[in-house]
Amino acid sequence: MPSPFPGMDPYLESPEIFPDFHDSFITYLREALQANLPTPYFAALGRRVWIEVSRRSIGPDVEVLRGQAPSPRRPEPAPAVAVADLPVARPVIIKVSHDEFREPFVEIYTRGEEGKRLVASVEVLSLANKTPGEHGRDLYRKKQRELLGSRVHLVEIDFLRAGDHATAVPLEAARDACGSFDYHVSVRPFDDLDTFHVYPIRLEDRLPPIAIPLLSGDPPVTLDLQAVFDRCYDAGPYAREVRYGVDAVVPPLGPDRAAWAEGILGAEAK
């Protein structure tokens, strides 16, 4: 059963759903690229891994032993320093839990006589990438800076309306050139440092086919984002998980968009 929306489904932006969609979309994105890349190019999954530490204080779960008091029947002279007779203090036990986070992305390589070479990195932005103060954002921006200074094409896909702008294209320049948009794709070729290829996407639009550059002399490979989305949606739990028209859209839609979405869902229900 397909999504009721023509392109990106705003219900999938929910923090409860988007992480599953994010990882699944990247898997099917790699599949689509693999089928269209010419020899000797190939697509592989990469993963960014980090540890987040959370702290919680709880009471002690082990009885603390205390030194025995002297027997009253056999009095002993007090020592010069009565350290052994002092009760051991009860410490506050701090349990430190470690949560491991993994963010997948797609890398396009070519293999020649000199070995394997990274040609392009394809990123689908996550919730952490667009949240100020998150370690995942810091790591993403660090990698972004490294790629922008390298001979690797950078492709960034943003399917999140909320959060701080995180793709490499300056937001003001993108809005000036493209007008308003809800989602977008930014492609920065490594051999044209001053140019960004931006695909603006409105909620009402189908997701576009985009061109991913390869090495000089080879034509770009086309990635049909709508076909990848449809396959991801059909294989995922979203048609059963989402209660369309009942669950809240997170982040919420403005009045005009909310009325448009209600019309879409009303037509689907008939």
C-alpha atoms as a PDB file:
ATOM      1  CA  MET A   1       0.000   0.000   0.000  1.00  0.00           C
ATOM      2  CA  PRO A   2       1.640   3.303  -1.063  1.00  0.00           C
ATOM      3  CA  SER A   3       1.833   6.471   0.984  1.00  0.00           C
ATOM      4  CA  PRO A   4      -1.202   8.733   0.474  1.00  0.00           C
ATOM      5  CA  PHE A   5       1.092  11.679  -0.234  1.00  0.00           C
ATOM      6  CA  PRO A   6       2.616  12.375  -3.669  1.00  0.00           C
ATOM      7  CA  GLY A   7       6.189  12.745  -2.426  1.00  0.00           C
ATOM      8  CA  MET A   8       7.683  12.885   1.060  1.00  0.00           C
ATOM      9  CA  ASP A   9       5.203  11.793   3.719  1.00  0.00           C
ATOM     10  CA  PRO A  10       5.137  14.393   6.550  1.00  0.00           C
ATOM     11  CA  TYR A  11       3.929  11.779   9.047  1.00  0.00           C
ATOM     12  CA  LEU A  12       7.288  10.006   8.670  1.00  0.00           C
ATOM     13  CA  GLU A  13       9.135  13.020  10.093  1.00  0.00           C
ATOM     14  CA  SER A  14       7.969  12.077  13.594  1.00  0.00           C
ATOM     15  CA  PRO A  15      10.939  11.370  15.906  1.00  0.00           C
ATOM     16  CA  GLU A  16       9.301   8.013  16.661  1.00  0.00           C
ATOM     17  CA  ILE A  17       9.315   6.980  12.995  1.00  0.00           C
ATOM     18  CA  PHE A  18      12.027   8.888  11.143  1.00  0.00           C
ATOM     19  CA  PRO A  19      15.059   6.907  12.446  1.00  0.00           C
ATOM     20  CA  ASP A  20      13.634   3.691  10.956  1.00  0.00           C
ATOM     21  CA  PHE A  21      12.746   5.462   7.714  1.00  0.00           C
ATOM     22  CA  HIS A  22      16.185   7.122   7.568  1.00  0.00           C
ATOM     23  CA  ASP A  23      18.126   3.865   7.782  1.00  0.00           C
ATOM     24  CA  SER A  24      15.781   1.976   5.472  1.00  0.00           C
ATOM     25  CA  PHE A  25      15.814   4.719   2.844  1.00  0.00           C
ATOM     26  CA  ILE A  26      19.606   4.646   2.736  1.00  0.00           C
ATOM     27  CA  THR A  27      19.598   0.877   2.201  1.00  0.00           C
ATOM     28  CA  TYR A  28      17.226   1.146  -0.769  1.00  0.00           C
ATOM     29  CA  LEU A  29      19.112   4.178  -2.063  1.00  0.00           C
ATOM     30  CA  ARG A  30      22.244   2.046  -2.270  1.00  0.00           C
ATOM     31  CA  GLU A  31      20.256  -0.665  -4.064  1.00  0.00           C
ATOM     32  CA  ALA A  32      19.006   1.821  -6.660  1.00  0.00           C
ATOM     33  CA  LEU A  33      22.472   3.232  -7.244  1.00  0.00           C
ATOM     34  CA  GLN A  34      24.006  -0.214  -7.549  1.00  0.00           C
ATOM     35  CA  ALA A  35      21.654  -1.074 -10.389  1.00  0.00           C
ATOM     36  CA  ASN A  36      22.519   2.064 -12.362  1.00  0.00           C
ATOM     37  CA  LEU A  37      26.196   2.674 -11.730  1.00  0.00           C
ATOM     38  CA  PRO A  38      28.442   1.849 -14.680  1.00  0.00           C
ATOM     39  CA  THR A  39      31.429  -0.450 -14.258  1.00  0.00           C
ATOM     40  CA  PRO A  40      33.792  -0.060 -12.388  1.00  0.00           C
ATOM     41  CA  TYR A  41      31.759   2.114  -9.955  1.00  0.00           C
ATOM     42  CA  PHE A  42      29.973   0.586  -6.968  1.00  0.00           C
ATOM     43  CA  ALA A  43      28.000   1.800  -3.931  1.00  0.00           C
ATOM     44  CA  ALA A  44      28.725   0.727  -0.362  1.00  0.00           C
ATOM     45  CA  LEU A  45      27.329   1.564   3.053  1.00  0.00           C
ATOM     46  CA  GLY A  46      29.437   3.528   5.510  1.00  0.00           C
ATOM     47  CA  ARG A  47      28.565   4.162   9.169  1.00  0.00           C
ATOM     48  CA  ARG A  48      29.292   6.992  11.532  1.00  0.00           C
ATOM     49  CA  VAL A  49      29.418   5.682  15.120  1.00  0.00           C
ATOM     50  CA  TRP A  50      29.502   7.595  18.388  1.00  0.00           C
ATOM     51  CA  ILE A  51      28.783   7.030  22.067  1.00  0.00           C
ATOM     52  CA  GLU A  52      26.467   9.196  24.135  1.00  0.00           C
ATOM     53  CA  VAL A  53      26.855   9.005  27.914  1.00  0.00           C
ATOM     54  CA  SER A  54      23.822   9.525  30.151  1.00  0.00           C
ATOM     55  CA  ARG A  55      24.080   9.704  33.947  1.00  0.00           C
ATOM     56  CA  ARG A  56      21.572   8.780  36.624  1.00  0.00           C
ATOM     57  CA  SER A  57      21.957   8.670  40.401  1.00  0.00           C
ATOM     58  CA  ILE A  58      20.435   5.834  42.423  1.00  0.00           C
ATOM     59  CA  GLY A  59      20.705   4.633  45.972  1.00  0.00           C
ATOM     60  CA  PRO A  60      23.308   2.036  46.894  1.00  0.00           C
ATOM     61  CA  ASP A  61      22.315  -1.538  46.075  1.00  0.00           C
ATOM     62  CA  VAL A  62      24.947  -3.224  48.304  1.00  0.00           C
ATOM     63  CA  GLU A  63      25.025  -3.039  52.094  1.00  0.00           C
ATOM     64  CA  VAL A  64      28.090  -1.154  53.280  1.00  0.00           C
ATOM     65  CA  LEU A  65      29.952  -3.015  56.040  1.00  0.00           C
ATOM     66  CA  ARG A  66      30.796  -1.134  59.207  1.00  0.00           C
ATOM     67  CA  GLY A  67      33.612  -1.772  61.613  1.00  0.00           C
ATOM     68  CA  GLN A  68      32.665  -3.848  64.708  1.00  0.00           C
ATOM     69  CA  ALA A  69      32.445  -2.020  68.030  1.00  0.00           C
ATOM     70  CA  PRO A  70      34.617  -3.453  70.881  1.00  0.00           C
ATOM     71  CA  SER A  71      32.895  -5.993  73.147  1.00  0.00           C
ATOM     72  CA  PRO A  72      31.683  -4.328  76.388  1.00  0.00           C
ATOM     73  CA  ARG A  73      32.912  -7.370  78.401  1.00  0.00           C
ATOM     74  CA  ARG A  74      36.505  -6.966  77.275  1.00  0.00           C
ATOM     75  CA  PRO A  75      37.286  -3.259  77.229  1.00  0.00           C
ATOM     76  CA  GLU A  76      40.325  -2.269  75.257  1.00  0.00           C
ATOM     77  CA  PRO A  77      42.357   0.885  75.465  1.00  0.00           C
ATOM     78  CA  ALA A  78      41.430   3.449  72.846  1.00  0.00           C
ATOM     79  CA  PRO A  79      43.952   3.701  70.042  1.00  0.00           C
ATOM     80  CA  ALA A  80      45.684   6.927  69.315  1.00  0.00           C
ATOM     81  CA  VAL A  81      43.635   7.287  66.086  1.00  0.00           C
ATOM     82  CA  ALA A  82      40.324   5.437  66.116  1.00  0.00           C
ATOM     83  CA  VAL A  83      39.981   5.120  62.318  1.00  0.00           C
ATOM     84  CA  ALA A  84      38.869   1.487  62.455  1.00  0.00           C
ATOM     85  CA  ASP A  85      35.976   2.324  64.770  1.00  0.00           C
ATOM     86  CA  LEU A  86      34.471   4.946  62.433  1.00  0.00           C
ATOM     87  CA  PRO A  87      31.532   3.699  60.347  1.00  0.00           C
ATOM     88  CA  VAL A  88      32.218   3.564  56.626  1.00  0.00           C
ATOM     89  CA  ALA A  89      30.324   6.276  54.800  1.00  0.00           C
ATOM     90  CA  ARG A  90      27.632   5.225  52.372  1.00  0.00           C
ATOM     91  CA  PRO A  91      28.623   6.427  48.882  1.00  0.00           C
ATOM     92  CA  VAL A  92      26.150   7.527  46.228  1.00  0.00           C
ATOM     93  CA  ILE A  93      26.299   5.009  43.428  1.00  0.00           C
ATOM     94  CA  ILE A  94      26.419   6.572  39.947  1.00  0.00           C
ATOM     95  CA  LYS A  95      25.388   4.278  37.130  1.00  0.00           C
ATOM     96  CA  VAL A  96      26.814   5.474  33.815  1.00  0.00           C
ATOM     97  CA  SER A  97      25.003   4.065  30.793  1.00  0.00           C
ATOM     98  CA  HIS A  98      26.484   4.248  27.318  1.00  0.00           C
ATOM     99  CA  ASP A  99      24.260   4.447  24.254  1.00  0.00           C
ATOM    100  CA  GLU A 100      25.830   3.665  20.896  1.00  0.00           C
ATOM    101  CA  PHE A 101      24.483   5.525  17.869  1.00  0.00           C
ATOM    102  CA  ARG A 102      25.076   4.540  14.256  1.00  0.00           C
ATOM    103  CA  GLU A 103      24.292   6.655  11.213  1.00  0.00           C
ATOM    104  CA  PRO A 104      24.579   4.974   7.813  1.00  0.00           C
ATOM    105  CA  PHE A 105      25.415   6.763   4.590  1.00  0.00           C
ATOM    106  CA  VAL A 106      26.237   5.686   1.033  1.00  0.00           C
ATOM    107  CA  GLU A 107      29.630   6.000  -0.600  1.00  0.00           C
ATOM    108  CA  ILE A 108      30.314   5.600  -4.309  1.00  0.00           C
ATOM    109  CA  TYR A 109      33.687   4.136  -5.202  1.00  0.00           C
ATOM    110  CA  THR A 110      35.574   3.206  -8.314  1.00  0.00           C
ATOM    111  CA  ARG A 111      38.321   0.629  -8.552  1.00  0.00           C
ATOM    112  CA  GLY A 112      41.190   0.962 -10.980  1.00  0.00           C
ATOM    113  CA  GLU A 113      44.802  -0.055 -11.296  1.00  0.00           C
ATOM    114  CA  GLU A 114      45.723   2.211  -8.384  1.00  0.00           C
ATOM    115  CA  GLY A 115      43.103   0.646  -6.113  1.00  0.00           C
ATOM    116  CA  LYS A 116      39.801   1.854  -4.672  1.00  0.00           C
ATOM    117  CA  ARG A 117      38.895   5.539  -4.790  1.00  0.00           C
ATOM    118  CA  LEU A 118      36.024   7.338  -3.054  1.00  0.00           C
ATOM    119  CA  VAL A 119      34.115   9.380  -5.650  1.00  0.00           C
ATOM    120  CA  ALA A 120      30.951  10.599  -3.901  1.00  0.00           C
ATOM    121  CA  SER A 121      29.371  10.559  -0.453  1.00  0.00           C
ATOM    122  CA  VAL A 122      25.567  10.510  -0.261  1.00  0.00           C
ATOM    123  CA  GLU A 123      24.061  11.598   3.061  1.00  0.00           C
ATOM    124  CA  VAL A 124      20.443  11.566   4.231  1.00  0.00           C
ATOM    125  CA  LEU A 125      20.270  14.016   7.115  1.00  0.00           C
ATOM    126  CA  SER A 126      19.129  12.626  10.463  1.00  0.00           C
ATOM    127  CA  LEU A 127      17.372  14.290  13.382  1.00  0.00           C
ATOM    128  CA  ALA A 128      20.692  14.515  15.241  1.00  0.00           C
ATOM    129  CA  ASN A 129      22.377  16.212  12.269  1.00  0.00           C
ATOM    130  CA  LYS A 130      19.903  19.105  12.498  1.00  0.00           C
ATOM    131  CA  THR A 131      19.763  19.485  16.302  1.00  0.00           C
ATOM    132  CA  PRO A 132      22.122  22.080  17.837  1.00  0.00           C
ATOM    133  CA  GLY A 133      24.269  20.687  20.627  1.00  0.00           C
ATOM    134  CA  GLU A 134      23.931  17.070  19.526  1.00  0.00           C
ATOM    135  CA  HIS A 135      27.196  15.169  19.133  1.00  0.00           C
ATOM    136  CA  GLY A 136      25.794  13.685  15.931  1.00  0.00           C
ATOM    137  CA  ARG A 137      25.565  17.198  14.453  1.00  0.00           C
ATOM    138  CA  ASP A 138      29.141  18.025  15.422  1.00  0.00           C
ATOM    139  CA  LEU A 139      30.432  14.825  13.820  1.00  0.00           C
ATOM    140  CA  TYR A 140      28.375  15.440  10.696  1.00  0.00           C
ATOM    141  CA  ARG A 141      29.628  19.001  10.259  1.00  0.00           C
ATOM    142  CA  LYS A 142      33.212  17.815  10.792  1.00  0.00           C
ATOM    143  CA  LYS A 143      32.840  15.218   8.041  1.00  0.00           C
ATOM    144  CA  GLN A 144      31.115  17.781   5.829  1.00  0.00           C
ATOM    145  CA  ARG A 145      34.073  20.175   6.147  1.00  0.00           C
ATOM    146  CA  GLU A 146      36.500  17.370   5.328  1.00  0.00           C
ATOM    147  CA  LEU A 147      34.565  16.384   2.205  1.00  0.00           C
ATOM    148  CA  LEU A 148      34.243  19.983   1.018  1.00  0.00           C
ATOM    149  CA  GLY A 149      38.029  20.227   1.134  1.00  0.00           C
ATOM    150  CA  SER A 150      38.577  16.937  -0.687  1.00  0.00           C
ATOM    151  CA  ARG A 151      38.163  15.524  -4.195  1.00  0.00           C
ATOM    152  CA  VAL A 152      34.857  13.830  -3.335  1.00  0.00           C
ATOM    153  CA  HIS A 153      31.406  14.904  -4.505  1.00  0.00           C
ATOM    154  CA  LEU A 154      29.033  15.651  -1.618  1.00  0.00           C
ATOM    155  CA  VAL A 155      25.320  14.810  -1.988  1.00  0.00           C
ATOM    156  CA  GLU A 156      23.030  15.776   0.910  1.00  0.00           C
ATOM    157  CA  ILE A 157      19.327  14.875   1.110  1.00  0.00           C
ATOM    158  CA  ASP A 158      17.209  16.715   3.671  1.00  0.00           C
ATOM    159  CA  PHE A 159      13.752  15.220   4.328  1.00  0.00           C
ATOM    160  CA  LEU A 160      13.223  17.111   7.605  1.00  0.00           C
ATOM    161  CA  ARG A 161      11.324  20.395   7.844  1.00  0.00           C
ATOM    162  CA  ALA A 162      12.367  21.030  11.440  1.00  0.00           C
ATOM    163  CA  GLY A 163      15.785  21.679  12.913  1.00  0.00           C
ATOM    164  CA  ASP A 164      18.688  23.918  11.982  1.00  0.00           C
ATOM    165  CA  HIS A 165      19.881  24.056   8.382  1.00  0.00           C
ATOM    166  CA  ALA A 166      22.723  21.550   7.966  1.00  0.00           C
ATOM    167  CA  THR A 167      23.473  21.005   4.265  1.00  0.00           C
ATOM    168  CA  ALA A 168      26.551  22.692   2.828  1.00  0.00           C
ATOM    169  CA  VAL A 169      24.654  25.077   0.542  1.00  0.00           C
ATOM    170  CA  PRO A 170      24.046  28.423   2.303  1.00  0.00           C
ATOM    171  CA  LEU A 171      20.368  28.574   3.245  1.00  0.00           C
ATOM    172  CA  GLU A 172      19.878  32.216   2.258  1.00  0.00           C
ATOM    173  CA  ALA A 173      21.430  31.632  -1.162  1.00  0.00           C
ATOM    174  CA  ALA A 174      19.244  28.549  -1.692  1.00  0.00           C
ATOM    175  CA  ARG A 175      16.073  30.444  -0.797  1.00  0.00           C
ATOM    176  CA  ASP A 176      17.011  33.404  -2.960  1.00  0.00           C
ATOM    177  CA  ALA A 177      17.549  31.138  -5.967  1.00  0.00           C
ATOM    178  CA  CYS A 178      14.805  28.556  -5.387  1.00  0.00           C
ATOM    179  CA  GLY A 179      12.086  30.336  -3.418  1.00  0.00           C
ATOM    180  CA  SER A 180      10.416  28.555  -0.513  1.00  0.00           C
ATOM    181  CA  PHE A 181      10.778  24.794  -0.131  1.00  0.00           C
ATOM    182  CA  ASP A 182      10.119  22.148   2.508  1.00  0.00           C
ATOM    183  CA  TYR A 183      12.837  19.652   1.639  1.00  0.00           C
ATOM    184  CA  HIS A 184      15.844  19.815  -0.627  1.00  0.00           C
ATOM    185  CA  VAL A 185      18.845  18.035  -2.066  1.00  0.00           C
ATOM    186  CA  SER A 186      22.236  19.724  -2.299  1.00  0.00           C
ATOM    187  CA  VAL A 187      24.969  18.421  -4.610  1.00  0.00           C
ATOM    188  CA  ARG A 188      28.428  20.004  -4.407  1.00  0.00           C
ATOM    189  CA  PRO A 189      30.777  18.688  -7.137  1.00  0.00           C
ATOM    190  CA  PHE A 190      34.397  18.587  -6.039  1.00  0.00           C
ATOM    191  CA  ASP A 191      35.589  19.920  -9.414  1.00  0.00           C
ATOM    192  CA  ASP A 192      33.427  23.062  -9.279  1.00  0.00           C
ATOM    193  CA  LEU A 193      33.977  24.498  -5.818  1.00  0.00           C
ATOM    194  CA  ASP A 194      31.749  27.555  -6.211  1.00  0.00           C
ATOM    195  CA  THR A 195      28.688  25.659  -7.465  1.00  0.00           C
ATOM    196  CA  PHE A 196      25.869  23.854  -5.695  1.00  0.00           C
ATOM    197  CA  HIS A 197      23.206  21.930  -7.582  1.00  0.00           C
ATOM    198  CA  VAL A 198      20.076  22.331  -5.473  1.00  0.00           C
ATOM    199  CA  TYR A 199      16.817  20.439  -5.948  1.00  0.00           C
ATOM    200  CA  PRO A 200      14.078  22.277  -4.012  1.00  0.00           C
ATOM    201  CA  ILE A 201      11.143  20.065  -2.980  1.00  0.00           C
ATOM    202  CA  ARG A 202       7.763  21.224  -1.737  1.00  0.00           C
ATOM    203  CA  LEU A 203       5.439  19.000   0.243  1.00  0.00           C
ATOM    204  CA  GLU A 204       3.051  18.856  -2.723  1.00  0.00           C
ATOM    205  CA  ASP A 205       5.798  17.666  -5.130  1.00  0.00           C
ATOM    206  CA  ARG A 206       6.850  14.214  -6.138  1.00  0.00           C
ATOM    207  CA  LEU A 207      10.451  13.548  -5.186  1.00  0.00           C
ATOM    208  CA  PRO A 208      12.700  14.315  -8.151  1.00  0.00           C
ATOM    209  CA  PRO A 209      15.270  12.256 -10.027  1.00  0.00           C
ATOM    210  CA  ILE A 210      18.677  13.745  -9.216  1.00  0.00           C
ATOM    211  CA  ALA A 211      22.024  13.566 -10.997  1.00  0.00           C
ATOM    212  CA  ILE A 212      24.991  12.354  -8.962  1.00  0.00           C
ATOM    213  CA  PRO A 213      28.324  13.267 -10.570  1.00  0.00           C
ATOM    214  CA  LEU A 214      31.042  10.709 -11.152  1.00  0.00           C
ATOM    215  CA  LEU A 215      34.598  11.247 -12.373  1.00  0.00           C
ATOM    216  CA  SER A 216      35.448  13.490 -15.296  1.00  0.00           C
ATOM    217  CA  GLY A 217      34.574  11.826 -18.599  1.00  0.00           C
ATOM    218  CA  ASP A 218      31.788   9.701 -17.114  1.00  0.00           C
ATOM    219  CA  PRO A 219      28.173  10.885 -17.221  1.00  0.00           C
ATOM    220  CA  PRO A 220      26.377  11.357 -13.900  1.00  0.00           C
ATOM    221  CA  VAL A 221      24.233   8.549 -12.536  1.00  0.00           C
ATOM    222  CA  THR A 222      20.526   9.253 -12.087  1.00  0.00           C
ATOM    223  CA  LEU A 223      18.900   8.485  -8.756  1.00  0.00           C
ATOM    224  CA  ASP A 224      15.082   8.439  -8.758  1.00  0.00           C
ATOM    225  CA  LEU A 225      14.261   9.541  -5.216  1.00  0.00           C
ATOM    226  CA  GLN A 226      10.533   8.853  -5.600  1.00  0.00           C
ATOM    227  CA  ALA A 227      11.165   5.272  -6.683  1.00  0.00           C
ATOM    228  CA  VAL A 228      13.464   4.773  -3.678  1.00  0.00           C
ATOM    229  CA  PHE A 229      10.865   6.294  -1.352  1.00  0.00           C
ATOM    230  CA  ASP A 230       8.073   4.086  -2.744  1.00  0.00           C
ATOM    231  CA  ARG A 231      10.132   0.928  -2.292  1.00  0.00           C
ATOM    232  CA  CYS A 232      11.123   1.981   1.231  1.00  0.00           C
ATOM    233  CA  TYR A 233       7.523   2.760   2.190  1.00  0.00           C
ATOM    234  CA  ASP A 234       6.110  -0.463   0.725  1.00  0.00           C
ATOM    235  CA  ALA A 235       8.698  -2.607   2.529  1.00  0.00           C
ATOM    236  CA  GLY A 236       8.412  -0.764   5.831  1.00  0.00           C
ATOM    237  CA  PRO A 237       5.847  -0.694   8.653  1.00  0.00           C
ATOM    238  CA  TYR A 238       4.563   2.808   7.952  1.00  0.00           C
ATOM    239  CA  ALA A 239       1.165   1.998   6.409  1.00  0.00           C
ATOM    240  CA  ARG A 240       0.335  -0.025   9.540  1.00  0.00           C
ATOM    241  CA  GLU A 241       2.167   2.140  12.050  1.00  0.00           C
ATOM    242  CA  VAL A 242       0.755   5.541  11.089  1.00  0.00           C
ATOM    243  CA  ARG A 243      -2.874   6.413  11.833  1.00  0.00           C
ATOM    244  CA  TYR A 244      -3.437   8.964   9.107  1.00  0.00           C
ATOM    245  CA  GLY A 245      -5.746  11.773  10.129  1.00  0.00           C
ATOM    246  CA  VAL A 246      -5.524  10.727  13.794  1.00  0.00           C
ATOM    247  CA  ASP A 247      -1.844  10.967  14.700  1.00  0.00           C
ATOM    248  CA  ALA A 248      -0.303  14.417  14.933  1.00  0.00           C
ATOM    249  CA  VAL A 249       2.061  15.549  12.205  1.00  0.00           C
ATOM    250  CA  VAL A 250       5.401  16.404  13.822  1.00  0.00           C
ATOM    251  CA  PRO A 251       6.449  19.111  13.189  1.00  0.00           C
ATOM    252  CA  PRO A 252       2.926  20.470  12.608  1.00  0.00           C
ATOM    253  CA  LEU A 253       1.827  21.768   9.230  1.00  0.00           C
ATOM    254  CA  GLY A 254       0.734  25.351   8.736  1.00  0.00           C
ATOM    255  CA  PRO A 255      -2.983  26.010   8.200  1.00  0.00           C
ATOM    256  CA  ASP A 256      -2.827  25.891   4.382  1.00  0.00           C
ATOM    257  CA  ARG A 257      -0.734  22.738   4.317  1.00  0.00           C
ATOM    258  CA  ALA A 258      -2.864  21.098   7.000  1.00  0.00           C
ATOM    259  CA  ALA A 259      -5.987  21.732   4.898  1.00  0.00           C
ATOM    260  CA  TRP A 260      -4.211  20.340   1.848  1.00  0.00           C
ATOM    261  CA  ALA A 261      -3.159  17.206   3.772  1.00  0.00           C
ATOM    262  CA  GLU A 262      -6.712  16.709   5.052  1.00  0.00           C
ATOM    263  CA  GLY A 263      -7.939  16.892   1.471  1.00  0.00           C
ATOM    264  CA  ILE A 264      -5.386  14.265   0.397  1.00  0.00           C
ATOM    265  CA  LEU A 265      -6.411  11.922   3.209  1.00  0.00           C
ATOM    266  CA  GLY A 266     -10.110  12.544   2.601  1.00  0.00           C
ATOM    267  CA  ALA A 267      -9.736  11.602  -1.060  1.00  0.00           C
ATOM    268  CA  GLU A 268      -7.825   8.447  -0.081  1.00  0.00           C
ATOM    269  CA  ALA A 269     -10.607   7.428   2.325  1.00  0.00           C
ATOM    270  CA  LYS A 270     -13.287   7.517  -0.388  1.00  0.00           C
END
